[in-house]
Amino acid sequence: MTTTTATATEQEAQATTGRALNHVELVYRPGERALAARVFELLGCRPRDTGGTYLTSFIEPTEGDFCNNTVYASEVTPEQWQLECALADALAAGGPVAEAARGYLDRFHHEPQRSTHFGIRVPDRERFDAILAGLRDAGEHDPELKGRVRVSGVFAPGDPGSLTEIMIQAFVHTDVVAAGLLTLGQHFELQYQF
């Protein structure tokens, strides 16, 4: 689709093609809505903030269907934020919870394929490489994102850790948005399929 809105015929075709993953819901820290939008832009999505509870990002930037192929993000609830703060305090204090979290996160970062994540296919190799370069640059140099977004690993066919011969997989970790606990962060997988 090359327009920002689907025609009635396209919407009908989409509705009758069967099951599909229509959205993923994520959360962000209080006050970080604009930063969440920047992370989605860096991932190659097109965020659209219409106000209200949810920030919507279109996986395919040229599409504009708010109901399908989207990622939503909203501010954490006060209850989740209270849990996040308590967990962060426990991790900073050391002890059994911190030790267990450190082991989990070490594996999470070194073997991202085994972490909770979802994948986004990028059909153009140049665009795929440009997205990864932008993410690396932001993670190293952007004052708001330094240390908060990073490329955890890139796995091409034949590389150690590669799980397939049909694509390059790149895993991106961030704690700006997550489908679970922000304290532990979220992996996104970007794929370039041959």
Protein backbone atom coordinates (compact mmCIF):
# COMPACT_ATOMS: atom_id res chain seq x y z
CA MET A 1 0.00 0.00 0.00
CA THR A 2 1.52 3.35 -0.94
CA THR A 3 -1.00 5.75 0.58
CA THR A 4 -1.44 6.66 4.20
CA THR A 5 -4.99 5.34 4.38
CA ALA A 6 -6.44 2.09 3.12
CA THR A 7 -9.18 2.21 0.51
CA ALA A 8 -12.44 0.38 1.18
CA THR A 9 -11.34 -2.40 -1.21
CA GLU A 10 -7.97 -2.77 0.56
CA GLN A 11 -9.64 -2.83 3.98
CA GLU A 12 -12.06 -5.50 2.78
CA ALA A 13 -9.18 -7.58 1.38
CA GLN A 14 -7.26 -7.26 4.64
CA ALA A 15 -10.32 -8.30 6.66
CA THR A 16 -10.88 -11.45 4.60
CA THR A 17 -7.28 -12.75 4.34
CA GLY A 18 -7.49 -14.58 7.64
CA ARG A 19 -5.74 -14.27 10.92
CA ALA A 20 -2.95 -11.77 11.48
CA LEU A 21 -1.08 -10.17 14.33
CA ASN A 22 -2.73 -6.78 14.36
CA HIS A 23 -0.89 -5.02 17.19
CA VAL A 24 1.51 -5.22 20.11
CA GLU A 25 0.92 -3.15 23.25
CA LEU A 26 3.92 -1.66 25.04
CA VAL A 27 4.47 0.75 27.90
CA TYR A 28 6.87 3.61 28.58
CA ARG A 29 8.00 5.44 31.73
CA PRO A 30 6.14 8.53 32.97
CA GLY A 31 7.12 11.53 30.86
CA GLU A 32 8.85 9.51 28.10
CA ARG A 33 6.15 9.50 25.41
CA ALA A 34 8.22 11.57 22.97
CA LEU A 35 11.28 9.40 23.65
CA ALA A 36 9.19 6.29 22.93
CA ALA A 37 8.17 7.83 19.59
CA ARG A 38 11.86 8.42 18.78
CA VAL A 39 12.69 4.77 19.49
CA PHE A 40 9.92 3.67 17.11
CA GLU A 41 11.29 6.02 14.45
CA LEU A 42 14.77 4.55 14.94
CA LEU A 43 13.25 1.07 14.47
CA GLY A 44 11.95 2.21 11.08
CA CYS A 45 8.33 2.67 12.13
CA ARG A 46 6.20 5.81 11.77
CA PRO A 47 4.82 7.04 15.09
CA ARG A 48 1.63 9.07 15.11
CA ASP A 49 0.56 10.78 18.28
CA THR A 50 -3.08 11.83 18.18
CA GLY A 51 -3.20 12.49 21.90
CA GLY A 52 -5.13 10.32 24.29
CA THR A 53 -3.86 7.23 26.01
CA TYR A 54 -2.07 5.49 23.14
CA LEU A 55 0.85 6.45 20.96
CA THR A 56 0.46 4.51 17.71
CA SER A 57 3.36 3.49 15.48
CA PHE A 58 2.85 1.99 12.05
CA ILE A 59 5.20 -0.92 11.34
CA GLU A 60 5.08 -0.10 7.60
CA PRO A 61 5.65 3.67 7.49
CA THR A 62 3.56 4.16 4.35
CA GLU A 63 0.45 2.62 5.93
CA GLY A 64 -2.05 4.33 8.19
CA ASP A 65 -4.42 1.61 9.40
CA PHE A 66 -4.74 2.21 13.15
CA CYS A 67 -6.13 -1.31 13.70
CA ASN A 68 -3.54 -3.54 12.00
CA ASN A 69 0.23 -3.85 11.71
CA THR A 70 0.72 -1.39 14.55
CA VAL A 71 2.52 -0.99 17.84
CA TYR A 72 0.73 0.89 20.60
CA ALA A 73 2.44 2.37 23.61
CA SER A 74 0.99 3.98 26.71
CA GLU A 75 2.38 5.31 29.96
CA VAL A 76 2.78 2.65 32.65
CA THR A 77 0.00 2.46 35.17
CA PRO A 78 0.78 3.81 38.65
CA GLU A 79 0.74 0.23 39.93
CA GLN A 80 3.28 -0.95 37.37
CA TRP A 81 5.45 2.09 38.01
CA GLN A 82 5.43 1.31 41.74
CA LEU A 83 6.53 -2.26 40.94
CA GLU A 84 9.21 -1.01 38.51
CA CYS A 85 10.64 1.33 41.16
CA ALA A 86 10.65 -1.40 43.82
CA LEU A 87 12.36 -3.79 41.42
CA ALA A 88 14.96 -1.19 40.44
CA ASP A 89 15.68 -0.58 44.14
CA ALA A 90 16.05 -4.33 44.76
CA LEU A 91 18.45 -4.67 41.82
CA ALA A 92 20.54 -1.72 43.03
CA ALA A 93 20.71 -3.10 46.58
CA GLY A 94 22.28 -6.40 45.56
CA GLY A 95 21.34 -9.72 47.05
CA PRO A 96 19.48 -12.72 45.62
CA VAL A 97 17.04 -10.78 43.41
CA ALA A 98 19.85 -8.68 41.92
CA GLU A 99 22.01 -11.76 41.38
CA ALA A 100 19.18 -13.63 39.64
CA ALA A 101 18.38 -10.59 37.49
CA ARG A 102 22.05 -10.19 36.52
CA GLY A 103 22.19 -13.82 35.36
CA TYR A 104 18.95 -13.44 33.43
CA LEU A 105 20.05 -10.18 31.77
CA ASP A 106 23.50 -11.55 30.88
CA ARG A 107 21.87 -14.40 28.98
CA PHE A 108 19.23 -12.02 27.60
CA HIS A 109 21.96 -9.80 26.10
CA HIS A 110 24.27 -12.55 24.86
CA GLU A 111 21.59 -14.82 23.42
CA PRO A 112 18.82 -12.41 22.36
CA GLN A 113 17.15 -15.08 20.22
CA ARG A 114 16.03 -16.72 23.48
CA SER A 115 14.56 -13.54 24.95
CA THR A 116 10.97 -12.37 24.72
CA HIS A 117 10.80 -10.31 21.54
CA PHE A 118 8.86 -9.75 18.36
CA GLY A 119 10.18 -9.38 14.85
CA ILE A 120 9.79 -6.70 12.21
CA ARG A 121 10.68 -7.55 8.62
CA VAL A 122 12.54 -4.86 6.69
CA PRO A 123 12.26 -5.74 2.98
CA ASP A 124 15.10 -3.52 1.71
CA ARG A 125 18.73 -4.30 2.63
CA GLU A 126 19.89 -0.70 2.42
CA ARG A 127 17.06 0.39 4.72
CA PHE A 128 17.86 -2.50 7.11
CA ASP A 129 21.53 -1.42 7.31
CA ALA A 130 20.55 2.26 7.72
CA ILE A 131 18.17 1.43 10.60
CA LEU A 132 20.92 -0.51 12.40
CA ALA A 133 23.41 2.31 11.87
CA GLY A 134 20.93 4.84 13.27
CA LEU A 135 20.24 2.66 16.31
CA ARG A 136 23.95 2.18 17.00
CA ASP A 137 24.59 5.90 16.66
CA ALA A 138 21.72 6.82 19.00
CA GLY A 139 22.83 4.26 21.58
CA GLU A 140 26.34 5.67 21.61
CA HIS A 141 25.86 9.40 21.06
CA ASP A 142 22.29 10.59 21.68
CA PRO A 143 22.18 12.14 25.19
CA GLU A 144 18.67 10.79 25.89
CA LEU A 145 19.22 7.33 24.42
CA LYS A 146 22.88 6.63 25.25
CA GLY A 147 22.91 3.30 27.08
CA ARG A 148 19.15 2.91 26.67
CA VAL A 149 19.06 1.44 23.17
CA ARG A 150 21.62 -0.90 21.65
CA VAL A 151 22.07 -3.48 18.95
CA SER A 152 22.57 -6.68 20.96
CA GLY A 153 23.59 -8.87 18.06
CA VAL A 154 23.40 -9.35 14.31
CA PHE A 155 23.22 -12.91 13.01
CA ALA A 156 23.76 -13.58 9.31
CA PRO A 157 23.63 -17.06 7.75
CA GLY A 158 26.73 -18.99 8.73
CA ASP A 159 27.52 -16.78 11.74
CA PRO A 160 27.66 -18.33 15.21
CA GLY A 161 24.18 -17.99 16.68
CA SER A 162 22.45 -17.76 13.33
CA LEU A 163 19.27 -19.82 13.35
CA THR A 164 18.45 -19.74 9.64
CA GLU A 165 19.88 -19.49 6.16
CA ILE A 166 17.05 -17.31 4.85
CA MET A 167 17.53 -14.04 6.75
CA ILE A 168 19.76 -11.72 8.73
CA GLN A 169 18.45 -11.18 12.24
CA ALA A 170 19.37 -8.09 14.26
CA PHE A 171 18.29 -7.76 17.89
CA VAL A 172 17.80 -4.36 19.48
CA HIS A 173 17.44 -3.91 23.23
CA THR A 174 15.83 -0.89 24.88
CA ASP A 175 14.41 0.04 28.24
CA VAL A 176 12.42 2.97 26.81
CA VAL A 177 9.47 0.76 25.84
CA ALA A 178 8.58 -2.80 26.79
CA ALA A 179 5.78 -5.33 26.48
CA GLY A 180 6.49 -6.29 30.09
CA LEU A 181 8.74 -4.77 32.72
CA LEU A 182 10.73 -1.71 31.67
CA THR A 183 13.36 -2.50 34.30
CA LEU A 184 14.32 -5.63 32.35
CA GLY A 185 13.86 -4.04 28.93
CA GLN A 186 12.61 -5.29 25.59
CA HIS A 187 14.19 -6.86 22.53
CA PHE A 188 12.99 -6.13 19.02
CA GLU A 189 14.16 -8.33 16.17
CA LEU A 190 14.70 -6.68 12.81
CA GLN A 191 14.86 -9.13 9.90
CA TYR A 192 16.13 -8.82 6.38
CA GLN A 193 14.80 -11.89 4.56
CA PHE A 194 16.47 -13.09 1.38
